[in-house]
Amino acid sequence: PLGYITEEILLTGLARTRTGAAQEEGEFLPYFSDGIVQFSLIPGLESRLIEPVVRDEGCRGIILQSFGAGNVPTEEGRYSVIDIIRLTTDLGKPTIVTSQFPANSTMATQYETGVAAVQAGAIPTGNMTSSCAAAKFRWVLATVDRDVARKRILPSDRLEETRKRMQHIFVDEMDG
C-alpha cells in the first residue's frame, strides 16, 4: 500500500509497481474537485432529466455509468445521452464513461454506441472500476484546474488536458 487513510493520511513511503519494482518518489497532491455528478444509465432514463444538472454552474463534470463496455443509449429521441455528452463538452465540462460492472473495459469497443459516445466528447476509462474512475476523475480535474490557475495550461486546453490525464496511467489503475 502507498498509505492508509484513517483519521489521518499515513504514507508508507516508496511506491511499488505490480511487479514489485520501486518507483520514483512522487509528489503528494491530495486535491479533489467537487461538483462531479454521476448518473447510472438505466433503460428508460430520459436525458432531459440530466440536462438541468449539467447546466448548473456547480456542475464541473459528469460520470455516466454505462451498460457493459461503454455502451450508452444513442437512438435519436428522449433516451439518447449523446446530446448530453455534446452539451457538457460545449460547456467545457468533461464527461467520463465508466461501466456498471467491475473492471470492465469502456470504449475499447467497436460497438456503434460506444464509438458515438467518444465522438461526442466522452472520455473512456479503460478497465478502471467505476469507483477508481470517479476518484481519478475528481483528482485529475483538481490538478488540471490548479494548472489553469497557475497559468501552466490555458483554460481553453482544460478538456483536452483532462482527457490526456485520464488516459495516463499513474499508479497501475488501468491497463495500458
Protein backbone atom coordinates (compact mmCIF):
# COMPACT_ATOMS: atom_id res chain seq x y z
CA PRO A 1 0.00 0.00 0.00
CA LEU A 2 1.04 3.57 -0.65
CA GLY A 3 -0.54 4.53 2.61
CA TYR A 4 -3.57 4.31 4.85
CA ILE A 5 -6.43 6.72 5.22
CA THR A 6 -7.93 6.77 8.68
CA GLU A 7 -8.38 9.87 10.81
CA GLU A 8 -5.02 10.84 9.26
CA ILE A 9 -3.37 10.16 5.92
CA LEU A 10 -0.38 7.93 6.63
CA LEU A 11 2.00 7.47 3.71
CA THR A 12 4.22 4.40 3.79
CA GLY A 13 6.97 5.83 1.62
CA LEU A 14 8.21 4.33 -1.61
CA ALA A 15 5.58 3.27 -4.15
CA ARG A 16 5.94 -0.04 -5.94
CA THR A 17 4.65 -1.31 -9.27
CA ARG A 18 2.70 -4.55 -9.72
CA THR A 19 6.00 -6.37 -10.33
CA GLY A 20 7.37 -5.08 -7.03
CA ALA A 21 9.91 -2.70 -8.59
CA ALA A 22 10.33 0.58 -6.76
CA GLN A 23 9.02 3.73 -8.41
CA GLU A 24 10.38 7.22 -8.07
CA GLU A 25 9.14 9.18 -5.10
CA GLY A 26 6.09 11.09 -6.30
CA GLU A 27 4.65 14.44 -5.37
CA PHE A 28 1.73 14.15 -2.96
CA LEU A 29 -1.23 16.01 -4.49
CA PRO A 30 -4.27 15.43 -2.24
CA TYR A 31 -6.66 17.60 -4.25
CA PHE A 32 -10.09 16.55 -5.46
CA SER A 33 -12.60 18.55 -7.46
CA ASP A 34 -16.13 18.98 -6.25
CA GLY A 35 -19.20 19.40 -8.44
CA ILE A 36 -18.94 15.96 -10.06
CA VAL A 37 -22.27 14.26 -10.73
CA GLN A 38 -22.73 10.57 -11.51
CA PHE A 39 -25.63 9.01 -13.37
CA SER A 40 -26.21 5.27 -13.70
CA LEU A 41 -27.73 4.71 -17.11
CA ILE A 42 -30.81 2.56 -16.88
CA PRO A 43 -33.34 1.60 -19.53
CA GLY A 44 -35.87 4.41 -19.84
CA LEU A 45 -33.74 7.20 -18.32
CA GLU A 46 -34.75 10.34 -20.18
CA SER A 47 -31.82 12.62 -20.98
CA ARG A 48 -33.93 15.73 -20.30
CA LEU A 49 -33.68 14.84 -16.59
CA ILE A 50 -29.89 15.11 -16.74
CA GLU A 51 -29.71 18.41 -18.65
CA PRO A 52 -30.61 20.83 -15.80
CA VAL A 53 -27.85 19.31 -13.64
CA VAL A 54 -25.30 19.66 -16.44
CA ARG A 55 -26.26 23.31 -17.00
CA ASP A 56 -25.95 24.14 -13.28
CA GLU A 57 -22.89 26.31 -12.54
CA GLY A 58 -21.90 23.99 -9.71
CA CYS A 59 -21.52 21.04 -12.08
CA ARG A 60 -17.82 20.64 -13.03
CA GLY A 61 -18.11 17.30 -14.85
CA ILE A 62 -20.25 14.18 -15.14
CA ILE A 63 -19.76 10.46 -14.85
CA LEU A 64 -22.01 8.19 -16.87
CA GLN A 65 -22.13 4.58 -15.69
CA SER A 66 -22.82 2.70 -18.89
CA PHE A 67 -24.29 -0.63 -19.86
CA GLY A 68 -21.37 -3.03 -20.23
CA ALA A 69 -18.32 -1.84 -22.14
CA GLY A 70 -19.12 1.84 -22.57
CA ASN A 71 -22.38 1.42 -24.42
CA VAL A 72 -24.74 4.34 -23.97
CA PRO A 73 -28.19 5.00 -25.44
CA THR A 74 -27.72 6.67 -28.84
CA GLU A 75 -31.05 6.20 -30.59
CA GLU A 76 -32.45 9.61 -31.56
CA GLY A 77 -35.06 10.75 -29.09
CA ARG A 78 -35.58 11.23 -25.42
CA TYR A 79 -33.35 8.37 -24.22
CA SER A 80 -30.14 9.24 -26.10
CA VAL A 81 -27.33 10.66 -23.97
CA ILE A 82 -25.21 11.69 -26.96
CA ASP A 83 -26.65 15.21 -26.88
CA ILE A 84 -25.88 15.39 -23.14
CA ILE A 85 -22.25 14.43 -23.82
CA ARG A 86 -22.07 17.08 -26.55
CA LEU A 87 -23.66 19.66 -24.24
CA THR A 88 -21.19 19.01 -21.42
CA THR A 89 -18.32 19.23 -23.90
CA ASP A 90 -19.66 22.50 -25.33
CA LEU A 91 -19.96 23.87 -21.79
CA GLY A 92 -16.34 22.91 -21.09
CA LYS A 93 -17.34 20.21 -18.61
CA PRO A 94 -15.78 16.79 -19.18
CA THR A 95 -17.79 13.58 -19.27
CA ILE A 96 -16.29 10.22 -18.44
CA VAL A 97 -17.96 6.91 -19.16
CA THR A 98 -17.44 4.01 -16.77
CA SER A 99 -19.06 0.61 -16.58
CA GLN A 100 -21.63 -0.52 -14.05
CA PHE A 101 -19.71 -3.80 -13.94
CA PRO A 102 -16.42 -4.38 -12.10
CA ALA A 103 -13.23 -3.59 -14.05
CA ASN A 104 -14.82 -3.66 -17.50
CA SER A 105 -13.02 -2.02 -20.39
CA THR A 106 -15.01 1.00 -21.53
CA MET A 107 -14.93 2.21 -25.09
CA ALA A 108 -12.29 -0.26 -26.19
CA THR A 109 -15.14 -1.47 -28.30
CA GLN A 110 -16.20 -1.10 -31.88
CA TYR A 111 -19.88 -1.09 -30.90
CA GLU A 112 -21.52 1.90 -32.54
CA THR A 113 -22.95 3.07 -29.22
CA GLY A 114 -19.51 3.28 -27.57
CA VAL A 115 -17.88 4.90 -30.60
CA ALA A 116 -20.66 7.51 -30.78
CA ALA A 117 -20.04 8.49 -27.14
CA VAL A 118 -16.33 9.10 -27.78
CA GLN A 119 -17.10 11.04 -30.97
CA ALA A 120 -19.49 13.22 -28.94
CA GLY A 121 -16.68 14.02 -26.48
CA ALA A 122 -16.85 11.32 -23.79
CA ILE A 123 -13.62 10.21 -22.13
CA PRO A 124 -13.19 6.44 -21.83
CA THR A 125 -11.88 4.99 -18.58
CA GLY A 126 -10.31 1.75 -19.81
CA ASN A 127 -10.67 -1.12 -17.38
CA MET A 128 -10.77 1.01 -14.23
CA THR A 129 -13.52 0.18 -11.80
CA SER A 130 -16.22 2.81 -11.55
CA SER A 131 -15.02 3.79 -8.07
CA CYS A 132 -11.44 4.17 -9.26
CA ALA A 133 -12.50 6.18 -12.31
CA ALA A 134 -14.58 8.53 -10.12
CA ALA A 135 -11.68 9.15 -7.72
CA LYS A 136 -9.20 9.63 -10.56
CA PHE A 137 -11.60 11.98 -12.39
CA ARG A 138 -12.02 14.18 -9.31
CA TRP A 139 -8.24 14.21 -8.79
CA VAL A 140 -7.44 14.91 -12.46
CA LEU A 141 -9.92 17.78 -12.60
CA ALA A 142 -8.44 19.33 -9.45
CA THR A 143 -4.89 19.10 -10.78
CA VAL A 144 -5.89 20.46 -14.20
CA ASP A 145 -7.75 23.36 -12.56
CA ARG A 146 -4.69 24.11 -10.38
CA ASP A 147 -2.54 24.18 -13.50
CA VAL A 148 -5.01 26.54 -15.19
CA ALA A 149 -4.97 28.82 -12.12
CA ARG A 150 -1.16 28.79 -12.10
CA LYS A 151 -1.16 29.56 -15.84
CA ARG A 152 0.66 26.31 -16.67
CA ILE A 153 -2.09 25.45 -19.15
CA LEU A 154 -4.64 27.61 -20.92
CA PRO A 155 -8.29 27.47 -19.83
CA SER A 156 -9.16 26.53 -23.43
CA ASP A 157 -7.00 23.39 -23.03
CA ARG A 158 -8.83 22.16 -19.90
CA LEU A 159 -10.90 19.48 -21.65
CA GLU A 160 -8.03 18.10 -23.71
CA GLU A 161 -5.69 18.09 -20.72
CA THR A 162 -8.33 16.28 -18.66
CA ARG A 163 -8.67 13.70 -21.46
CA LYS A 164 -4.88 13.18 -21.59
CA ARG A 165 -4.52 12.81 -17.84
CA MET A 166 -7.45 10.40 -17.61
CA GLN A 167 -5.69 8.21 -20.20
CA HIS A 168 -2.33 8.44 -18.40
CA ILE A 169 -1.52 5.55 -16.07
CA PHE A 170 -0.35 6.97 -12.74
CA VAL A 171 -0.43 4.04 -10.28
CA ASP A 172 -1.37 0.91 -12.27
CA GLU A 173 -5.03 1.91 -12.05
CA MET A 174 -5.73 0.53 -15.53
CA ASP A 175 -4.11 -1.48 -18.26
CA GLY A 176 -2.12 0.35 -20.92
